N, C-alpha and C. Protein backbone atom coordinates (compact mmCIF):
# COMPACT_ATOMS: atom_id res chain seq x y z
N MET A 1 -20.12 -4.47 -1.75
CA MET A 1 -19.03 -4.72 -0.40
C MET A 1 -19.49 -3.67 0.75
N ASN A 2 -18.98 -4.40 2.14
CA ASN A 2 -18.84 -3.35 3.03
C ASN A 2 -17.93 -2.94 3.56
N LEU A 3 -17.70 -1.65 3.21
CA LEU A 3 -16.39 -0.85 3.67
C LEU A 3 -16.36 -0.57 5.15
N LEU A 4 -15.43 -0.87 5.81
CA LEU A 4 -15.37 0.31 7.48
C LEU A 4 -13.70 0.91 6.74
N LEU A 5 -14.64 2.27 7.09
CA LEU A 5 -13.32 3.24 7.14
C LEU A 5 -12.50 3.60 8.12
N ASP A 6 -11.00 3.52 8.08
CA ASP A 6 -10.21 3.98 9.40
C ASP A 6 -10.37 5.53 9.65
N THR A 7 -10.60 5.82 10.86
CA THR A 7 -10.66 7.46 11.26
C THR A 7 -10.19 8.30 10.25
N HIS A 8 -9.25 8.22 9.89
CA HIS A 8 -8.70 9.18 8.88
C HIS A 8 -8.81 9.18 7.41
N ILE A 9 -9.22 8.06 6.99
CA ILE A 9 -9.88 8.07 5.65
C ILE A 9 -11.55 8.73 5.83
N LEU A 10 -11.89 8.14 6.79
CA LEU A 10 -13.18 8.84 7.18
C LEU A 10 -13.62 10.17 7.00
N ILE A 11 -12.56 11.13 7.89
CA ILE A 11 -12.46 12.39 7.84
C ILE A 11 -11.96 12.99 6.84
N TRP A 12 -11.27 12.57 6.16
CA TRP A 12 -10.60 13.01 4.44
C TRP A 12 -11.84 12.77 3.58
N ALA A 13 -12.65 11.88 3.87
CA ALA A 13 -13.54 11.63 2.67
C ALA A 13 -14.49 12.60 3.06
N LEU A 14 -15.06 13.03 4.42
CA LEU A 14 -15.74 13.90 4.58
C LEU A 14 -15.81 15.32 4.49
N ASN A 15 -14.27 15.51 4.37
CA ASN A 15 -13.82 16.91 4.33
C ASN A 15 -13.49 17.08 2.67
N GLU A 16 -13.58 15.94 2.09
CA GLU A 16 -12.85 15.92 0.73
C GLU A 16 -11.74 16.43 0.66
N ASP A 17 -10.97 15.96 1.36
CA ASP A 17 -9.27 16.23 1.41
C ASP A 17 -8.62 15.80 0.27
N PRO A 18 -7.16 16.66 -0.05
CA PRO A 18 -6.89 15.98 -1.27
C PRO A 18 -5.98 14.78 -0.85
N ARG A 19 -5.32 14.75 0.59
CA ARG A 19 -4.68 13.37 0.61
C ARG A 19 -5.66 11.99 0.68
N LEU A 20 -7.00 12.00 0.70
CA LEU A 20 -7.88 10.87 0.27
C LEU A 20 -7.09 9.98 -0.85
N PRO A 21 -6.88 8.90 -1.09
CA PRO A 21 -6.14 8.34 -2.02
C PRO A 21 -7.28 8.09 -3.18
N GLU A 22 -7.06 8.29 -4.42
CA GLU A 22 -8.00 7.74 -5.17
C GLU A 22 -8.75 6.68 -5.31
N LYS A 23 -7.68 5.60 -4.85
CA LYS A 23 -8.38 4.34 -4.78
C LYS A 23 -9.78 4.03 -3.70
N ALA A 24 -9.35 4.87 -2.48
CA ALA A 24 -10.32 4.64 -1.69
C ALA A 24 -11.82 5.56 -1.89
N LYS A 25 -11.33 6.80 -2.47
CA LYS A 25 -12.23 7.58 -3.13
C LYS A 25 -13.32 6.91 -4.05
N GLU A 26 -12.58 5.82 -4.90
CA GLU A 26 -13.05 5.30 -5.92
C GLU A 26 -14.33 4.17 -5.29
N MET A 27 -13.36 3.46 -4.39
CA MET A 27 -14.43 2.79 -3.17
C MET A 27 -15.62 2.98 -2.64
N ILE A 28 -15.07 4.34 -2.03
CA ILE A 28 -16.21 5.03 -1.42
C ILE A 28 -17.34 5.59 -2.30
N LEU A 29 -17.33 5.62 -3.60
CA LEU A 29 -18.12 6.29 -4.37
C LEU A 29 -18.92 5.55 -5.11
N ASP A 30 -18.23 4.00 -5.25
CA ASP A 30 -18.70 3.01 -5.80
C ASP A 30 -19.99 2.67 -5.24
N ALA A 31 -21.83 2.70 -6.15
CA ALA A 31 -22.59 2.42 -5.86
C ALA A 31 -22.58 0.99 -5.18
N ASP A 32 -22.21 0.26 -5.62
CA ASP A 32 -22.54 -1.10 -5.26
C ASP A 32 -21.96 -1.39 -3.60
N ASN A 33 -21.05 -0.65 -3.20
CA ASN A 33 -20.37 -0.62 -1.75
C ASN A 33 -21.34 0.16 -0.87
N SER A 34 -21.30 -0.39 0.38
CA SER A 34 -22.11 0.26 1.60
C SER A 34 -21.03 1.03 2.12
N VAL A 35 -20.91 2.12 3.21
CA VAL A 35 -19.79 2.54 3.47
C VAL A 35 -20.13 2.68 4.87
N PHE A 36 -19.44 2.13 5.74
CA PHE A 36 -19.54 2.23 7.46
C PHE A 36 -18.69 3.17 8.13
N TYR A 37 -18.88 3.81 9.43
CA TYR A 37 -18.23 4.29 10.32
C TYR A 37 -18.17 3.31 11.96
N SER A 38 -17.19 3.72 12.51
CA SER A 38 -17.30 2.77 13.54
C SER A 38 -17.58 4.05 14.70
N VAL A 39 -18.05 3.73 15.94
CA VAL A 39 -18.13 4.26 16.91
C VAL A 39 -16.99 4.20 17.38
N VAL A 40 -15.76 3.63 17.30
CA VAL A 40 -14.54 3.26 17.81
C VAL A 40 -14.39 4.93 17.34
N SER A 41 -14.18 5.11 15.78
CA SER A 41 -13.78 6.61 15.33
C SER A 41 -14.53 7.67 16.08
N VAL A 42 -15.76 7.47 16.26
CA VAL A 42 -16.30 8.77 17.01
C VAL A 42 -15.80 8.96 18.52
N TRP A 43 -15.52 7.84 19.05
CA TRP A 43 -14.81 7.93 20.16
C TRP A 43 -13.18 8.43 20.24
N GLU A 44 -12.54 7.90 19.22
CA GLU A 44 -10.95 8.85 18.90
C GLU A 44 -11.15 10.24 18.63
N VAL A 45 -12.04 10.41 17.69
CA VAL A 45 -11.87 12.08 17.64
C VAL A 45 -12.63 12.67 18.68
N SER A 46 -13.23 12.10 19.63
CA SER A 46 -13.82 12.85 20.90
C SER A 46 -12.50 13.22 21.63
N ILE A 47 -11.87 12.05 22.15
CA ILE A 47 -10.71 12.14 22.91
C ILE A 47 -9.62 13.00 22.38
N LYS A 48 -9.57 12.67 20.86
CA LYS A 48 -8.53 13.74 20.36
C LYS A 48 -8.93 15.45 20.41
N HIS A 49 -10.10 15.79 20.39
CA HIS A 49 -10.63 16.52 19.85
C HIS A 49 -10.74 17.32 21.41
N ALA A 50 -11.34 16.55 22.60
CA ALA A 50 -11.21 16.95 24.20
C ALA A 50 -9.26 17.56 24.32
N ASN A 51 -8.75 16.72 24.06
CA ASN A 51 -7.28 16.93 24.27
C ASN A 51 -6.72 18.07 23.13
N HIS A 52 -7.13 18.52 22.32
CA HIS A 52 -6.53 19.11 21.23
C HIS A 52 -7.21 19.91 20.32
N PRO A 53 -8.18 20.50 20.93
CA PRO A 53 -9.05 21.11 20.21
C PRO A 53 -9.05 22.04 18.55
N ASP A 54 -7.28 22.59 19.00
CA ASP A 54 -6.57 23.23 18.00
C ASP A 54 -6.43 22.20 16.41
N ASN A 55 -6.34 21.13 16.95
CA ASN A 55 -5.84 20.01 15.94
C ASN A 55 -7.34 19.55 15.58
N VAL A 56 -7.87 19.01 16.27
CA VAL A 56 -9.36 18.59 15.73
C VAL A 56 -10.31 19.21 16.16
N GLU A 57 -10.80 19.85 15.13
CA GLU A 57 -11.58 21.19 15.02
C GLU A 57 -13.23 20.74 15.11
N PHE A 58 -13.80 19.43 15.29
CA PHE A 58 -14.97 18.77 15.38
C PHE A 58 -14.81 17.86 16.54
N SER A 59 -15.87 17.87 17.00
CA SER A 59 -16.10 16.65 18.28
C SER A 59 -16.36 15.34 17.35
N GLY A 60 -16.79 14.28 18.66
CA GLY A 60 -17.17 12.88 17.86
C GLY A 60 -19.10 12.94 17.80
N LYS A 61 -19.42 13.91 18.38
CA LYS A 61 -20.82 13.71 18.19
C LYS A 61 -21.01 14.73 16.44
N GLU A 62 -20.20 15.23 16.16
CA GLU A 62 -20.11 16.18 15.27
C GLU A 62 -19.83 15.21 14.19
N LEU A 63 -18.79 14.47 14.56
CA LEU A 63 -18.11 13.47 13.05
C LEU A 63 -19.48 12.49 12.62
N SER A 64 -20.17 12.05 14.03
CA SER A 64 -21.29 11.50 13.83
C SER A 64 -22.52 11.88 12.93
N GLN A 65 -22.61 13.15 13.03
CA GLN A 65 -23.39 13.65 12.47
C GLN A 65 -23.26 13.91 10.88
N PHE A 66 -22.22 14.50 10.80
CA PHE A 66 -21.34 14.16 9.38
C PHE A 66 -21.74 13.22 8.84
N CYS A 67 -21.15 11.79 9.60
CA CYS A 67 -21.33 10.72 8.64
C CYS A 67 -22.83 10.08 8.26
N LEU A 68 -23.68 10.73 9.33
CA LEU A 68 -24.97 9.98 8.77
C LEU A 68 -25.68 10.93 7.78
N GLU A 69 -25.16 12.11 7.70
CA GLU A 69 -25.58 13.17 6.34
C GLU A 69 -24.68 12.48 5.15
N ALA A 70 -23.56 12.23 5.43
CA ALA A 70 -23.16 11.97 4.12
C ALA A 70 -23.39 10.04 3.70
N GLY A 71 -24.54 9.93 4.55
CA GLY A 71 -25.01 8.21 4.08
C GLY A 71 -24.12 7.49 4.90
N PHE A 72 -23.37 7.46 5.51
CA PHE A 72 -22.44 6.40 6.18
C PHE A 72 -23.81 5.77 7.08
N LEU A 73 -22.86 4.10 7.28
CA LEU A 73 -23.84 3.50 8.28
C LEU A 73 -22.89 3.27 9.60
N PRO A 74 -23.50 3.71 10.69
CA PRO A 74 -22.63 3.25 11.90
C PRO A 74 -22.90 1.88 12.30
N VAL A 75 -21.23 1.48 12.86
CA VAL A 75 -21.33 0.17 13.29
C VAL A 75 -21.13 0.38 14.84
N GLU A 76 -21.84 -0.36 15.76
CA GLU A 76 -21.83 -0.15 17.18
C GLU A 76 -20.84 -0.85 17.69
N MET A 77 -20.31 -0.99 18.92
CA MET A 77 -19.39 -1.80 19.54
C MET A 77 -20.34 -3.05 20.24
N ARG A 78 -19.63 -4.14 19.84
CA ARG A 78 -20.34 -5.47 20.29
C ARG A 78 -19.50 -6.27 20.92
N ASP A 79 -19.75 -7.45 21.76
CA ASP A 79 -18.88 -8.78 22.15
C ASP A 79 -18.05 -9.12 21.16
N LYS A 80 -18.80 -9.71 20.33
CA LYS A 80 -17.96 -10.10 19.32
C LYS A 80 -16.68 -9.46 18.57
N HIS A 81 -16.68 -8.13 18.80
CA HIS A 81 -15.55 -7.46 17.97
C HIS A 81 -14.54 -7.54 18.88
N VAL A 82 -14.87 -7.46 20.35
CA VAL A 82 -13.57 -7.82 21.17
C VAL A 82 -13.14 -9.16 21.40
N PHE A 83 -14.28 -10.41 20.78
CA PHE A 83 -13.41 -11.13 20.98
C PHE A 83 -12.62 -11.58 19.58
N ALA A 84 -12.85 -11.05 18.47
CA ALA A 84 -12.18 -10.91 17.21
C ALA A 84 -10.56 -10.15 17.56
N LEU A 85 -11.14 -8.96 18.67
CA LEU A 85 -9.38 -8.58 19.04
C LEU A 85 -8.73 -9.63 19.34
N GLU A 86 -8.84 -10.23 20.14
CA GLU A 86 -8.38 -11.30 20.89
C GLU A 86 -7.47 -12.47 19.45
N THR A 87 -7.78 -12.27 18.28
CA THR A 87 -7.44 -13.09 17.06
C THR A 87 -6.77 -12.45 16.29
N ILE A 88 -6.34 -11.26 16.19
CA ILE A 88 -5.61 -10.45 15.43
C ILE A 88 -4.20 -10.32 15.47
N MET A 89 -3.37 -10.86 14.55
CA MET A 89 -2.25 -11.54 14.89
C MET A 89 -0.98 -10.44 13.72
N ARG A 90 -0.09 -9.51 14.46
CA ARG A 90 0.72 -9.52 13.66
C ARG A 90 2.34 -9.91 13.12
N VAL A 91 2.66 -9.44 11.82
CA VAL A 91 4.08 -10.34 11.07
C VAL A 91 5.04 -10.16 12.42
N GLU A 92 5.59 -11.07 12.67
CA GLU A 92 6.84 -11.35 13.43
C GLU A 92 7.91 -10.03 12.68
N GLY A 93 8.42 -9.20 13.45
CA GLY A 93 9.20 -8.40 13.45
C GLY A 93 9.08 -7.16 12.70
N ALA A 94 7.61 -6.93 12.57
CA ALA A 94 6.87 -5.75 11.94
C ALA A 94 7.47 -5.00 13.07
N PRO A 95 7.40 -3.26 12.68
CA PRO A 95 7.25 -2.34 13.35
C PRO A 95 6.16 -1.92 14.21
N PRO A 96 6.90 -1.48 15.71
CA PRO A 96 5.86 -1.51 16.40
C PRO A 96 4.55 -0.69 16.09
N HIS A 97 3.38 -0.91 16.69
CA HIS A 97 2.38 -0.24 16.49
C HIS A 97 1.22 -0.41 17.69
N HIS A 98 1.21 0.76 18.27
CA HIS A 98 0.44 0.97 19.79
C HIS A 98 -1.36 1.67 20.01
N ASP A 99 -1.87 1.48 18.63
CA ASP A 99 -2.72 2.26 18.43
C ASP A 99 -3.86 1.53 18.98
N PRO A 100 -4.60 1.43 19.58
CA PRO A 100 -5.82 0.69 20.11
C PRO A 100 -6.71 0.93 19.31
N PHE A 101 -7.04 1.82 18.73
CA PHE A 101 -8.51 2.62 18.23
C PHE A 101 -8.36 1.83 16.79
N ASP A 102 -7.05 1.30 16.18
CA ASP A 102 -6.88 1.04 14.84
C ASP A 102 -6.65 -0.66 15.14
N ARG A 103 -6.36 -1.04 16.15
CA ARG A 103 -6.63 -2.67 16.25
C ARG A 103 -8.26 -3.01 16.74
N MET A 104 -9.10 -2.20 17.16
CA MET A 104 -10.66 -2.27 17.62
C MET A 104 -11.10 -2.12 16.15
N LEU A 105 -10.78 -1.21 15.36
CA LEU A 105 -11.84 -1.01 14.17
C LEU A 105 -11.12 -1.99 12.95
N ILE A 106 -9.93 -2.69 13.16
CA ILE A 106 -9.68 -4.02 12.40
C ILE A 106 -10.58 -5.09 12.98
N ALA A 107 -10.73 -5.25 14.42
CA ALA A 107 -11.66 -6.39 14.82
C ALA A 107 -12.64 -6.15 14.48
N GLN A 108 -13.50 -4.80 14.48
CA GLN A 108 -14.87 -4.97 14.17
C GLN A 108 -14.79 -5.69 12.53
N ALA A 109 -14.19 -4.95 11.61
CA ALA A 109 -14.01 -5.24 10.07
C ALA A 109 -14.01 -6.62 9.92
N LYS A 110 -13.05 -7.39 11.07
CA LYS A 110 -13.18 -8.53 10.59
C LYS A 110 -14.41 -9.49 11.40
N ALA A 111 -14.69 -9.00 12.12
CA ALA A 111 -16.25 -9.89 12.76
C ALA A 111 -16.89 -9.33 12.09
N GLU A 112 -17.56 -8.59 11.49
CA GLU A 112 -18.50 -8.29 10.20
C GLU A 112 -18.43 -8.35 8.82
N GLN A 113 -16.93 -8.95 8.86
CA GLN A 113 -16.41 -9.58 7.24
C GLN A 113 -16.73 -8.25 6.40
N MET A 114 -16.15 -7.06 6.70
CA MET A 114 -15.97 -5.87 5.86
C MET A 114 -14.39 -5.75 5.32
N LEU A 115 -14.54 -5.02 4.54
CA LEU A 115 -12.88 -4.42 4.14
C LEU A 115 -12.87 -3.39 4.87
N PHE A 116 -11.77 -3.21 5.43
CA PHE A 116 -11.44 -2.08 6.15
C PHE A 116 -10.11 -1.12 5.49
N ILE A 117 -10.77 -0.06 5.00
CA ILE A 117 -10.04 0.43 4.26
C ILE A 117 -8.96 1.73 5.07
N THR A 118 -7.76 1.93 5.00
CA THR A 118 -6.63 2.31 5.60
C THR A 118 -5.89 3.10 4.69
N HIS A 119 -4.98 4.13 5.20
CA HIS A 119 -3.62 4.59 4.73
C HIS A 119 -2.84 4.56 5.55
N ASP A 120 -2.69 3.91 6.77
CA ASP A 120 -1.62 3.85 7.71
C ASP A 120 -0.78 3.02 7.16
N ALA A 121 0.41 3.05 7.15
CA ALA A 121 1.71 1.98 6.63
C ALA A 121 1.81 1.17 7.61
N LEU A 122 1.65 1.39 8.89
CA LEU A 122 1.61 -0.09 9.82
C LEU A 122 0.77 -1.00 9.61
N LEU A 123 -0.59 -0.89 9.42
CA LEU A 123 -1.44 -1.71 9.49
C LEU A 123 -1.66 -2.78 8.64
N PRO A 124 -0.88 -2.84 7.41
CA PRO A 124 -0.61 -4.08 6.69
C PRO A 124 0.17 -4.99 7.34
N TYR A 125 0.53 -4.81 8.39
CA TYR A 125 1.60 -5.96 8.95
C TYR A 125 0.83 -6.92 10.29
N TYR A 126 -0.60 -6.39 10.31
CA TYR A 126 -1.52 -7.19 10.66
C TYR A 126 -1.84 -8.66 9.57
N GLU A 127 -2.02 -9.60 9.86
CA GLU A 127 -2.17 -10.44 9.13
C GLU A 127 -3.66 -10.75 8.80
N GLU A 128 -4.19 -9.70 8.39
CA GLU A 128 -5.94 -10.12 8.43
C GLU A 128 -6.04 -9.36 6.94
N LYS A 129 -7.03 -10.41 6.18
CA LYS A 129 -7.26 -10.48 4.75
C LYS A 129 -8.41 -9.11 4.44
N CYS A 130 -8.82 -8.56 5.66
CA CYS A 130 -9.83 -7.55 5.67
C CYS A 130 -9.28 -6.05 5.29
N ILE A 131 -7.97 -5.68 5.61
CA ILE A 131 -7.45 -4.80 5.81
C ILE A 131 -6.62 -4.64 4.20
N ILE A 132 -7.20 -3.05 3.47
CA ILE A 132 -7.30 -2.85 2.44
C ILE A 132 -6.16 -1.90 2.33
N PRO A 133 -5.14 -1.79 2.21
CA PRO A 133 -4.14 -0.52 2.39
C PRO A 133 -4.32 0.39 1.26
N VAL A 134 -4.78 1.71 1.14
CA VAL A 134 -4.50 2.49 -0.11
C VAL A 134 -3.74 3.63 -0.17
């Protein structure tokens, strides 16, 4: 399977953080799976690092390098990802979710037929089969 990691899952995996759910760890380490990271995550980390370097200790460029060193594969932005963004729907009455990075990552996973691995409790409210909550 092709897995696209949500930004926090990506960071936890790279840092061997104990917050990484066991299910996510198993999926990432499964040799039958290909693990991808998105330029969207690099963009998100770059912005957060610039705004709060005390909270986000590495730059987007460093994140990208760490991903490549770990053997993760990049997903670039494409028109079809933006078009998929227009098709993403949330369950009526779901709690508000205002993170444009998450929406773009979901759109990329959907357009590329990947599984999107996340620990964000708000994301399963999107009616997308590609979202795998862990």
